[in-house]
């Protein structure tokens, strides 16, 4: 797997540079307490309270960029977050999907 990434300062953008591989999504996990960003509710919650699908945020491929640009949610609280990109295998996001890239990001 070859990739390149780029992070811009606030408001926050991550670009995962890779050829178009299909359905990609991202999940956010706060490192200090393993809380998860609930994308549907735009809030942080305990992982046990958030379904996998509710924490998944779709990321669209951009041929102009040559990768998957993704904006950090403006409402995301400060802290260190694990940002994990997945390759969606089925009709919806699932914990069996393959991780294709991840990194810790401070916000």
Protein backbone atom coordinates (compact mmCIF):
# COMPACT_ATOMS: atom_id res chain seq x y z
CA UNK A 1 0.00 0.00 0.00
CA UNK A 2 1.39 3.38 -0.96
CA UNK A 3 -0.06 6.56 0.41
CA UNK A 4 0.78 10.06 1.44
CA UNK A 5 -1.02 12.28 3.88
CA UNK A 6 -1.18 15.96 4.61
CA UNK A 7 -2.57 17.83 7.59
CA UNK A 8 -3.44 21.51 7.59
CA UNK A 9 -3.88 23.55 10.76
CA UNK A 10 -7.32 24.68 11.92
CA UNK A 11 -10.04 24.42 10.76
CA UNK A 12 -8.45 21.06 10.05
CA UNK A 13 -8.18 18.94 6.98
CA UNK A 14 -6.63 15.56 6.42
CA UNK A 15 -5.97 14.34 2.91
CA UNK A 16 -5.37 10.63 2.49
CA UNK A 17 -3.60 10.35 -0.87
CA UNK A 18 -4.40 7.06 -2.57
CA UNK A 19 -5.95 5.91 -5.82
CA UNK A 20 -9.73 5.51 -5.82
CA UNK A 21 -10.52 2.31 -3.91
CA UNK A 22 -14.27 2.71 -3.52
CA UNK A 23 -16.21 3.37 -0.32
CA UNK A 24 -14.02 4.93 2.36
CA UNK A 25 -15.06 6.25 5.75
CA UNK A 26 -13.32 7.65 8.82
CA UNK A 27 -13.90 7.21 12.56
CA UNK A 28 -12.53 9.30 15.44
CA UNK A 29 -11.50 7.83 18.81
CA UNK A 30 -10.27 10.11 21.62
CA UNK A 31 -7.06 8.60 22.98
CA UNK A 32 -7.38 9.65 26.64
CA UNK A 33 -10.61 7.76 27.32
CA UNK A 34 -11.40 5.85 24.08
CA UNK A 35 -14.60 7.86 23.62
CA UNK A 36 -15.94 7.94 20.06
CA UNK A 37 -17.15 10.82 17.92
CA UNK A 38 -20.82 10.18 17.14
CA UNK A 39 -21.04 11.65 13.65
CA UNK A 40 -24.85 11.45 13.53
CA UNK A 41 -25.29 13.41 16.79
CA UNK A 42 -22.14 15.58 16.45
CA UNK A 43 -21.03 14.73 19.96
CA UNK A 44 -18.55 12.60 21.89
CA UNK A 45 -19.86 9.56 23.73
CA UNK A 46 -18.66 6.30 25.26
CA UNK A 47 -17.90 3.74 22.58
CA UNK A 48 -20.54 1.37 24.00
CA UNK A 49 -23.23 4.02 23.37
CA UNK A 50 -22.40 4.66 19.70
CA UNK A 51 -23.05 2.20 16.92
CA UNK A 52 -20.26 1.63 14.41
CA UNK A 53 -22.41 3.04 11.60
CA UNK A 54 -23.24 6.19 13.62
CA UNK A 55 -19.56 6.93 14.16
CA UNK A 56 -18.61 6.47 10.49
CA UNK A 57 -18.17 9.55 8.28
CA UNK A 58 -18.07 8.99 4.52
CA UNK A 59 -15.04 10.32 2.68
CA UNK A 60 -15.35 10.92 -1.06
CA UNK A 61 -12.52 10.44 -3.52
CA UNK A 62 -11.42 13.60 -5.35
CA UNK A 63 -9.72 13.13 -8.71
CA UNK A 64 -8.62 16.78 -8.56
CA UNK A 65 -6.71 16.06 -5.35
CA UNK A 66 -5.77 12.46 -6.11
CA UNK A 67 -7.01 11.22 -2.77
CA UNK A 68 -9.60 11.47 -0.04
CA UNK A 69 -9.85 14.96 1.51
CA UNK A 70 -11.69 15.05 4.82
CA UNK A 71 -12.58 18.03 7.02
CA UNK A 72 -12.25 17.68 10.78
CA UNK A 73 -15.69 18.42 12.30
CA UNK A 74 -15.82 21.97 13.67
CA UNK A 75 -17.61 20.77 16.81
CA UNK A 76 -14.91 18.18 17.64
CA UNK A 77 -13.54 18.98 21.12
CA UNK A 78 -9.84 19.56 21.64
CA UNK A 79 -7.55 16.69 22.50
CA UNK A 80 -5.66 13.89 20.82
CA UNK A 81 -7.78 11.82 18.47
CA UNK A 82 -7.05 8.64 16.55
CA UNK A 83 -8.25 9.27 13.01
CA UNK A 84 -8.83 5.93 11.30
CA UNK A 85 -9.75 5.45 7.62
CA UNK A 86 -11.54 2.24 6.61
CA UNK A 87 -12.35 0.50 3.32
CA UNK A 88 -16.07 -0.30 3.50
CA UNK A 89 -16.61 -3.87 2.33
CA UNK A 90 -20.40 -4.20 2.57
CA UNK A 91 -23.50 -2.06 2.28
CA UNK A 92 -22.72 -0.16 5.50
CA UNK A 93 -19.81 0.53 7.83
CA UNK A 94 -18.91 -2.41 10.07
CA UNK A 95 -16.23 -3.29 12.62
CA UNK A 96 -14.97 -5.97 10.23
CA UNK A 97 -13.95 -3.40 7.58
CA UNK A 98 -10.24 -3.14 6.82
CA UNK A 99 -8.24 -0.27 8.28
CA UNK A 100 -6.40 1.44 5.44
CA UNK A 101 -4.78 4.32 7.33
CA UNK A 102 -4.70 5.78 10.80
CA UNK A 103 -2.84 8.40 12.80
CA UNK A 104 -3.15 10.39 16.01
CA UNK A 105 -4.02 14.04 15.51
CA UNK A 106 -4.08 16.82 18.09
CA UNK A 107 -6.89 19.32 17.86
